[in-house]
Amino acid sequence: AIAAEAGVAVDTVYAAFGSKRGILSSLIDVSLVGDDEGTPLLEREGPQSVRREKDPQRQVELFASDITAIMGRMAPIFSIMRAAAKTEPDVGKMLRRMLDSRLQGMMVFIEALTSNSSLRDGVTRQEAAETVWMLTSAEMYNLAIMDRGWSEEKYQRWLADALANLLLPRGK
């Protein structure tokens, strides 16, 4: 189907990507960052602006903006991967690695946030990272955008408010 849509031979697609897994991997790489420049996500302006910011509330807002854009590109891919993982063990392994990598990325955000503020009483860094991981999941994004019909702006505001309320000490 990809070859037909592109107007090339199937062998051309396999020559470029090697396998279905290679196609999926390339799609993920480009969709995650929004281009094919090769700059890792955490070195890009969005995550870097979160790290540079000193106001924790503003850090949360910047993060919510960046992750909303990322999930706009990635949520459909996560849905495809979840469905494919049921019958394709390689895709299941790839999905697990992506989910684990997402959690590591959320820990980077929590480390940046806690460089300027403590977390809400009783919340560990691990719990904070897991909370962010869950709230920024493709499933939550799809529930808000696809199922409830929210705009990305409304989702972004909700996400920033939710994260600030769950992570930051009261009054921050």
Protein backbone atom coordinates (compact mmCIF):
# COMPACT_ATOMS: atom_id res chain seq x y z
CA ALA A 1 0.00 0.00 0.00
CA ILE A 2 2.89 2.37 0.81
CA ALA A 3 4.56 1.62 -2.52
CA ALA A 4 1.31 2.13 -4.40
CA GLU A 5 0.61 5.44 -2.64
CA ALA A 6 4.17 6.62 -3.38
CA GLY A 7 4.01 5.41 -6.98
CA VAL A 8 7.07 3.19 -6.65
CA ALA A 9 7.78 -0.53 -6.74
CA VAL A 10 7.45 -2.57 -3.54
CA ASP A 11 11.15 -3.47 -3.89
CA THR A 12 12.00 0.24 -3.77
CA VAL A 13 10.27 0.60 -0.39
CA TYR A 14 12.08 -2.45 0.99
CA ALA A 15 15.39 -1.17 -0.42
CA ALA A 16 14.89 2.13 1.39
CA PHE A 17 13.60 0.77 4.71
CA GLY A 18 14.56 -2.91 4.82
CA SER A 19 11.34 -4.18 6.40
CA LYS A 20 7.95 -3.23 7.77
CA ARG A 21 9.68 -2.67 11.09
CA GLY A 22 12.13 -0.32 9.35
CA ILE A 23 9.26 1.66 7.85
CA LEU A 24 7.62 1.95 11.26
CA SER A 25 10.89 2.93 12.90
CA SER A 26 11.48 5.71 10.35
CA LEU A 27 7.89 6.92 10.74
CA ILE A 28 8.37 7.10 14.51
CA ASP A 29 11.68 8.93 14.25
CA VAL A 30 10.25 11.63 11.99
CA SER A 31 6.90 11.91 13.77
CA LEU A 32 8.45 12.22 17.22
CA VAL A 33 10.46 15.32 16.38
CA GLY A 34 8.46 16.61 13.41
CA ASP A 35 11.23 16.47 10.79
CA ASP A 36 14.10 14.33 9.55
CA GLU A 37 16.98 16.57 10.69
CA GLY A 38 18.44 13.98 13.07
CA THR A 39 18.61 16.22 16.15
CA PRO A 40 17.55 14.17 19.20
CA LEU A 41 14.30 15.25 20.85
CA LEU A 42 15.84 16.33 24.15
CA GLU A 43 18.31 18.60 22.30
CA ARG A 44 15.53 20.47 20.51
CA GLU A 45 14.17 23.89 21.41
CA GLY A 46 11.03 22.68 23.23
CA PRO A 47 12.77 20.53 25.86
CA GLN A 48 15.66 22.98 26.06
CA SER A 49 13.29 25.88 26.80
CA VAL A 50 11.80 23.84 29.67
CA ARG A 51 15.28 23.24 31.07
CA ARG A 52 16.27 26.93 30.78
CA GLU A 53 13.10 28.25 32.41
CA LYS A 54 13.40 29.02 36.14
CA ASP A 55 9.70 29.46 36.98
CA PRO A 56 8.20 26.00 37.69
CA GLN A 57 4.68 26.99 36.58
CA ARG A 58 6.07 28.26 33.30
CA GLN A 59 8.15 25.07 32.92
CA VAL A 60 4.94 23.04 33.19
CA GLU A 61 3.22 25.28 30.62
CA LEU A 62 6.12 25.01 28.17
CA PHE A 63 6.25 21.25 28.64
CA ALA A 64 2.48 20.94 28.07
CA SER A 65 2.78 22.94 24.86
CA ASP A 66 5.64 20.83 23.54
CA ILE A 67 4.13 17.46 24.47
CA THR A 68 0.78 18.45 22.93
CA ALA A 69 2.50 19.03 19.60
CA ILE A 70 4.39 15.75 19.91
CA MET A 71 1.28 13.75 20.76
CA GLY A 72 -0.55 15.35 17.84
CA ARG A 73 1.99 13.60 15.63
CA MET A 74 2.54 10.44 17.70
CA ALA A 75 -0.89 9.45 19.04
CA PRO A 76 -2.00 7.83 15.76
CA ILE A 77 1.25 5.86 15.62
CA PHE A 78 0.81 4.58 19.17
CA SER A 79 -2.69 3.42 18.22
CA ILE A 80 -1.35 1.59 15.16
CA MET A 81 1.41 0.00 17.22
CA ARG A 82 -0.96 -1.17 19.96
CA ALA A 83 -3.14 -2.88 17.36
CA ALA A 84 -0.19 -4.39 15.49
CA ALA A 85 1.49 -5.58 18.69
CA LYS A 86 -1.33 -8.09 19.19
CA THR A 87 -0.12 -10.11 16.20
CA GLU A 88 3.42 -8.84 15.60
CA PRO A 89 5.81 -9.62 18.50
CA ASP A 90 8.51 -7.32 17.05
CA VAL A 91 6.10 -4.39 17.11
CA GLY A 92 5.17 -5.29 20.68
CA LYS A 93 8.83 -5.14 21.71
CA MET A 94 9.26 -1.85 19.87
CA LEU A 95 6.20 -0.42 21.62
CA ARG A 96 7.50 -1.50 25.04
CA ARG A 97 10.86 0.18 24.33
CA MET A 98 9.07 3.36 23.24
CA LEU A 99 6.95 3.42 26.37
CA ASP A 100 10.02 2.86 28.55
CA SER A 101 11.85 5.60 26.68
CA ARG A 102 8.89 7.96 27.20
CA LEU A 103 9.09 7.34 30.95
CA GLN A 104 12.80 8.20 30.89
CA GLY A 105 11.94 11.39 29.02
CA MET A 106 9.37 12.29 31.66
CA MET A 107 12.04 11.80 34.32
CA VAL A 108 14.21 14.34 32.46
CA PHE A 109 11.29 16.79 32.70
CA ILE A 110 10.87 16.07 36.43
CA GLU A 111 14.59 16.64 37.00
CA ALA A 112 14.35 20.00 35.23
CA LEU A 113 11.25 20.90 37.24
CA THR A 114 12.80 19.91 40.57
CA SER A 115 15.88 21.99 39.84
CA ASN A 116 13.59 25.00 40.48
CA SER A 117 10.96 23.66 42.87
CA SER A 118 10.22 20.85 45.22
CA LEU A 119 7.45 18.47 44.28
CA ARG A 120 4.12 18.44 46.03
CA ASP A 121 4.35 16.85 49.51
CA GLY A 122 4.42 13.08 49.37
CA VAL A 123 5.19 12.82 45.65
CA THR A 124 8.47 11.11 44.74
CA ARG A 125 10.33 11.84 41.53
CA GLN A 126 9.43 8.38 40.23
CA GLU A 127 5.73 8.92 40.99
CA ALA A 128 5.89 12.34 39.38
CA ALA A 129 7.47 10.94 36.22
CA GLU A 130 4.88 8.15 36.07
CA THR A 131 2.07 10.68 36.55
CA VAL A 132 3.37 12.79 33.68
CA TRP A 133 3.85 9.64 31.58
CA MET A 134 0.22 8.63 32.09
CA LEU A 135 -1.31 12.08 31.60
CA THR A 136 0.67 12.65 28.41
CA SER A 137 -0.12 9.24 26.93
CA ALA A 138 -1.58 8.76 23.48
CA GLU A 139 -4.65 7.31 25.16
CA MET A 140 -5.33 10.47 27.19
CA TYR A 141 -4.63 12.64 24.16
CA ASN A 142 -7.07 10.60 22.05
CA LEU A 143 -9.75 10.67 24.76
CA ALA A 144 -9.61 14.46 24.89
CA ILE A 145 -9.11 15.28 21.21
CA MET A 146 -10.88 12.45 19.39
CA ASP A 147 -13.53 11.29 21.84
CA ARG A 148 -14.42 14.58 23.55
CA GLY A 149 -13.68 16.87 20.60
CA TRP A 150 -11.36 19.17 22.54
CA SER A 151 -9.10 21.51 20.64
CA GLU A 152 -5.38 21.08 21.11
CA GLU A 153 -5.39 24.42 22.96
CA LYS A 154 -7.98 23.17 25.45
CA TYR A 155 -6.07 19.91 25.95
CA GLN A 156 -2.83 21.85 26.46
CA ARG A 157 -4.42 24.13 29.09
CA TRP A 158 -6.00 21.16 30.86
CA LEU A 159 -2.71 19.28 30.83
CA ALA A 160 -0.74 22.23 32.21
CA ASP A 161 -3.31 22.77 34.98
CA ALA A 162 -3.45 19.07 35.85
CA LEU A 163 0.34 18.72 35.97
CA ALA A 164 0.78 21.87 38.04
CA ASN A 165 -1.90 20.72 40.51
CA LEU A 166 -0.49 17.21 40.81
CA LEU A 167 3.21 18.04 40.86
CA LEU A 168 3.86 21.46 42.31
CA PRO A 169 3.45 22.46 45.96
CA ARG A 170 0.27 24.34 46.67
CA GLY A 171 0.55 28.03 45.87
CA LYS A 172 3.31 27.61 43.22
